[in-house]
Amino acid sequence: MAKKGRKKGGPRYRRISLSLPKRLYYVLNGVAMGDEKKLNRLIKGILEDKLMESTVAELEMYLGRGEEMEEEEEAEEEKRE
């Protein structure tokens, strides 16, 4: 008789870190009334809602926008030198 393969263990979700502008962080933290769990749940809900409404093309546009911003920053640095 053949043995069944084992399922991989580990967390169901990946942990990420997110950088927010201070003003946005303070607004969200105020809405969550200073509770870290509520803040994390609020941010997760906002991201899930946005992802549900977005198309792949819109998400790819965000990636393109990030690359354009990096190129602009590099061009500004070259001008300074």
N, C-alpha and C. Protein backbone atom coordinates (compact mmCIF):
# COMPACT_ATOMS: atom_id res chain seq x y z
N MET A 1 0.83 -1.17 0.00
CA MET A 1 0.00 0.00 0.00
C MET A 1 0.89 1.25 0.00
N ALA A 2 0.52 2.21 -0.82
CA ALA A 2 1.30 3.44 -0.92
C ALA A 2 0.91 4.41 0.20
N LYS A 3 1.94 5.09 0.71
CA LYS A 3 1.69 6.07 1.76
C LYS A 3 1.20 7.38 1.16
N LYS A 4 0.35 8.06 1.89
CA LYS A 4 -0.10 9.38 1.44
C LYS A 4 0.98 10.41 1.74
N GLY A 5 1.13 11.37 0.82
CA GLY A 5 2.08 12.44 1.05
C GLY A 5 1.61 13.38 2.15
N ARG A 6 2.57 13.96 2.85
CA ARG A 6 2.21 14.87 3.94
C ARG A 6 2.01 16.27 3.38
N LYS A 7 1.08 16.98 3.98
CA LYS A 7 0.87 18.37 3.61
C LYS A 7 1.95 19.21 4.27
N LYS A 8 2.34 20.28 3.57
CA LYS A 8 3.33 21.17 4.14
C LYS A 8 2.75 21.87 5.35
N GLY A 9 3.55 22.00 6.38
CA GLY A 9 3.13 22.73 7.56
C GLY A 9 3.46 24.20 7.40
N GLY A 10 3.13 24.97 8.37
CA GLY A 10 3.48 26.38 8.34
C GLY A 10 2.26 27.27 8.28
N PRO A 11 2.51 28.57 8.39
CA PRO A 11 1.39 29.51 8.42
C PRO A 11 0.65 29.58 7.09
N ARG A 12 -0.62 29.89 7.18
CA ARG A 12 -1.46 29.97 5.99
C ARG A 12 -1.18 31.26 5.22
N TYR A 13 -0.82 32.30 5.95
CA TYR A 13 -0.57 33.60 5.34
C TYR A 13 0.89 33.97 5.48
N ARG A 14 1.36 34.78 4.55
CA ARG A 14 2.72 35.31 4.66
C ARG A 14 2.68 36.63 5.40
N ARG A 15 3.68 36.86 6.20
CA ARG A 15 3.78 38.10 6.95
C ARG A 15 4.53 39.13 6.10
N ILE A 16 3.97 40.31 6.01
CA ILE A 16 4.63 41.38 5.28
C ILE A 16 4.73 42.60 6.18
N SER A 17 5.64 43.49 5.82
CA SER A 17 5.69 44.76 6.54
C SER A 17 5.29 45.84 5.55
N LEU A 18 4.64 46.85 6.06
CA LEU A 18 4.09 47.89 5.21
C LEU A 18 4.54 49.24 5.76
N SER A 19 5.08 50.07 4.89
CA SER A 19 5.48 51.41 5.29
C SER A 19 4.37 52.38 4.92
N LEU A 20 3.95 53.17 5.89
CA LEU A 20 2.90 54.16 5.67
C LEU A 20 3.44 55.54 6.02
N PRO A 21 2.98 56.56 5.31
CA PRO A 21 3.32 57.92 5.73
C PRO A 21 2.76 58.16 7.14
N LYS A 22 3.47 58.99 7.92
CA LYS A 22 3.07 59.21 9.31
C LYS A 22 1.64 59.71 9.43
N ARG A 23 1.26 60.64 8.56
CA ARG A 23 -0.10 61.20 8.65
C ARG A 23 -1.15 60.12 8.46
N LEU A 24 -0.94 59.25 7.47
CA LEU A 24 -1.90 58.18 7.20
C LEU A 24 -1.93 57.20 8.37
N TYR A 25 -0.76 56.88 8.91
CA TYR A 25 -0.70 55.97 10.06
C TYR A 25 -1.48 56.54 11.24
N TYR A 26 -1.29 57.82 11.53
CA TYR A 26 -1.98 58.42 12.67
C TYR A 26 -3.50 58.45 12.46
N VAL A 27 -3.93 58.68 11.23
CA VAL A 27 -5.37 58.67 10.94
C VAL A 27 -5.94 57.26 11.16
N LEU A 28 -5.28 56.26 10.58
CA LEU A 28 -5.76 54.88 10.74
C LEU A 28 -5.70 54.43 12.19
N ASN A 29 -4.63 54.82 12.90
CA ASN A 29 -4.49 54.46 14.30
C ASN A 29 -5.59 55.12 15.14
N GLY A 30 -5.98 56.33 14.78
CA GLY A 30 -7.07 57.01 15.46
C GLY A 30 -8.40 56.30 15.24
N VAL A 31 -8.63 55.86 14.01
CA VAL A 31 -9.86 55.13 13.70
C VAL A 31 -9.90 53.82 14.49
N ALA A 32 -8.74 53.18 14.63
CA ALA A 32 -8.65 51.92 15.37
C ALA A 32 -8.56 52.14 16.87
N MET A 33 -8.63 53.38 17.31
CA MET A 33 -8.58 53.75 18.73
C MET A 33 -7.33 53.23 19.44
N GLY A 34 -6.20 53.22 18.72
CA GLY A 34 -4.92 52.86 19.31
C GLY A 34 -4.71 51.37 19.54
N ASP A 35 -5.63 50.54 19.11
CA ASP A 35 -5.53 49.09 19.29
C ASP A 35 -4.81 48.49 18.09
N GLU A 36 -3.68 47.83 18.35
CA GLU A 36 -2.84 47.26 17.29
C GLU A 36 -3.60 46.22 16.46
N LYS A 37 -4.36 45.35 17.12
CA LYS A 37 -5.11 44.32 16.39
C LYS A 37 -6.16 44.95 15.48
N LYS A 38 -6.86 45.96 15.99
CA LYS A 38 -7.87 46.64 15.17
C LYS A 38 -7.22 47.35 13.99
N LEU A 39 -6.05 47.95 14.23
CA LEU A 39 -5.33 48.63 13.16
C LEU A 39 -4.94 47.65 12.06
N ASN A 40 -4.40 46.50 12.44
CA ASN A 40 -4.02 45.49 11.45
C ASN A 40 -5.23 44.98 10.67
N ARG A 41 -6.34 44.77 11.39
CA ARG A 41 -7.58 44.31 10.74
C ARG A 41 -8.12 45.36 9.78
N LEU A 42 -8.02 46.64 10.17
CA LEU A 42 -8.47 47.74 9.32
C LEU A 42 -7.65 47.81 8.04
N ILE A 43 -6.34 47.75 8.17
CA ILE A 43 -5.45 47.81 6.99
C ILE A 43 -5.71 46.61 6.09
N LYS A 44 -5.85 45.42 6.68
CA LYS A 44 -6.13 44.21 5.90
C LYS A 44 -7.44 44.35 5.14
N GLY A 45 -8.47 44.88 5.80
CA GLY A 45 -9.77 45.07 5.15
C GLY A 45 -9.69 46.05 3.99
N ILE A 46 -8.98 47.15 4.19
CA ILE A 46 -8.83 48.14 3.12
C ILE A 46 -8.13 47.52 1.92
N LEU A 47 -7.05 46.79 2.17
CA LEU A 47 -6.31 46.16 1.07
C LEU A 47 -7.16 45.12 0.35
N GLU A 48 -7.89 44.30 1.09
CA GLU A 48 -8.73 43.28 0.46
C GLU A 48 -9.82 43.92 -0.40
N ASP A 49 -10.46 44.98 0.12
CA ASP A 49 -11.49 45.66 -0.66
C ASP A 49 -10.92 46.23 -1.95
N LYS A 50 -9.77 46.86 -1.85
CA LYS A 50 -9.14 47.46 -3.03
C LYS A 50 -8.76 46.38 -4.05
N LEU A 51 -8.24 45.27 -3.57
CA LEU A 51 -7.84 44.20 -4.48
C LEU A 51 -9.05 43.55 -5.16
N MET A 52 -10.17 43.45 -4.45
CA MET A 52 -11.38 42.86 -5.03
C MET A 52 -11.90 43.72 -6.17
N GLU A 53 -11.75 45.03 -6.05
CA GLU A 53 -12.27 45.96 -7.06
C GLU A 53 -11.30 46.18 -8.21
N SER A 54 -10.03 45.84 -8.03
CA SER A 54 -9.01 46.14 -9.03
C SER A 54 -8.91 45.03 -10.08
N THR A 55 -8.54 45.44 -11.27
CA THR A 55 -8.24 44.47 -12.32
C THR A 55 -6.73 44.27 -12.36
N VAL A 56 -6.30 43.26 -13.07
CA VAL A 56 -4.86 43.00 -13.19
C VAL A 56 -4.17 44.18 -13.87
N ALA A 57 -4.82 44.77 -14.86
CA ALA A 57 -4.24 45.91 -15.56
C ALA A 57 -4.00 47.08 -14.61
N GLU A 58 -4.95 47.33 -13.71
CA GLU A 58 -4.79 48.42 -12.74
C GLU A 58 -3.63 48.13 -11.79
N LEU A 59 -3.51 46.89 -11.36
CA LEU A 59 -2.41 46.54 -10.47
C LEU A 59 -1.06 46.66 -11.17
N GLU A 60 -1.01 46.26 -12.44
CA GLU A 60 0.22 46.42 -13.21
C GLU A 60 0.58 47.89 -13.38
N MET A 61 -0.45 48.74 -13.46
CA MET A 61 -0.21 50.17 -13.58
C MET A 61 0.51 50.69 -12.33
N TYR A 62 0.15 50.18 -11.15
CA TYR A 62 0.84 50.57 -9.92
C TYR A 62 2.32 50.20 -9.99
N LEU A 63 2.61 49.03 -10.53
CA LEU A 63 4.01 48.63 -10.67
C LEU A 63 4.75 49.56 -11.62
N GLY A 64 4.11 49.91 -12.73
CA GLY A 64 4.73 50.82 -13.69
C GLY A 64 4.95 52.19 -13.08
N ARG A 65 4.01 52.64 -12.26
CA ARG A 65 4.12 53.94 -11.62
C ARG A 65 5.32 53.96 -10.67
N GLY A 66 5.56 52.87 -9.97
CA GLY A 66 6.70 52.77 -9.06
C GLY A 66 8.02 52.85 -9.80
N GLU A 67 8.08 52.18 -10.95
CA GLU A 67 9.30 52.22 -11.76
C GLU A 67 9.54 53.61 -12.32
N GLU A 68 8.47 54.29 -12.74
CA GLU A 68 8.60 55.65 -13.26
C GLU A 68 9.12 56.59 -12.17
N MET A 69 8.63 56.43 -10.96
CA MET A 69 9.07 57.28 -9.86
C MET A 69 10.55 57.06 -9.56
N GLU A 70 11.01 55.81 -9.62
CA GLU A 70 12.41 55.51 -9.39
C GLU A 70 13.28 56.14 -10.47
N GLU A 71 12.81 56.07 -11.73
CA GLU A 71 13.56 56.67 -12.83
C GLU A 71 13.64 58.18 -12.68
N GLU A 72 12.54 58.82 -12.23
CA GLU A 72 12.54 60.26 -12.02
C GLU A 72 13.52 60.65 -10.92
N GLU A 73 13.57 59.88 -9.85
CA GLU A 73 14.49 60.15 -8.75
C GLU A 73 15.93 60.03 -9.21
N GLU A 74 16.22 59.02 -10.02
CA GLU A 74 17.57 58.85 -10.54
C GLU A 74 17.95 60.02 -11.44
N ALA A 75 17.01 60.49 -12.27
CA ALA A 75 17.28 61.62 -13.15
C ALA A 75 17.55 62.88 -12.34
N GLU A 76 16.82 63.10 -11.26
CA GLU A 76 17.04 64.26 -10.41
C GLU A 76 18.41 64.20 -9.75
N GLU A 77 18.82 63.02 -9.32
CA GLU A 77 20.14 62.86 -8.69
C GLU A 77 21.24 63.16 -9.69
N GLU A 78 21.07 62.73 -10.94
CA GLU A 78 22.08 62.97 -11.96
C GLU A 78 22.18 64.47 -12.26
N LYS A 79 21.05 65.18 -12.24
CA LYS A 79 21.07 66.63 -12.47
C LYS A 79 21.84 67.34 -11.37
N ARG A 80 21.70 66.87 -10.14
CA ARG A 80 22.39 67.51 -9.02
C ARG A 80 23.88 67.37 -9.12
N GLU A 81 24.33 66.25 -9.66
CA GLU A 81 25.78 65.98 -9.75
C GLU A 81 26.34 66.76 -10.88
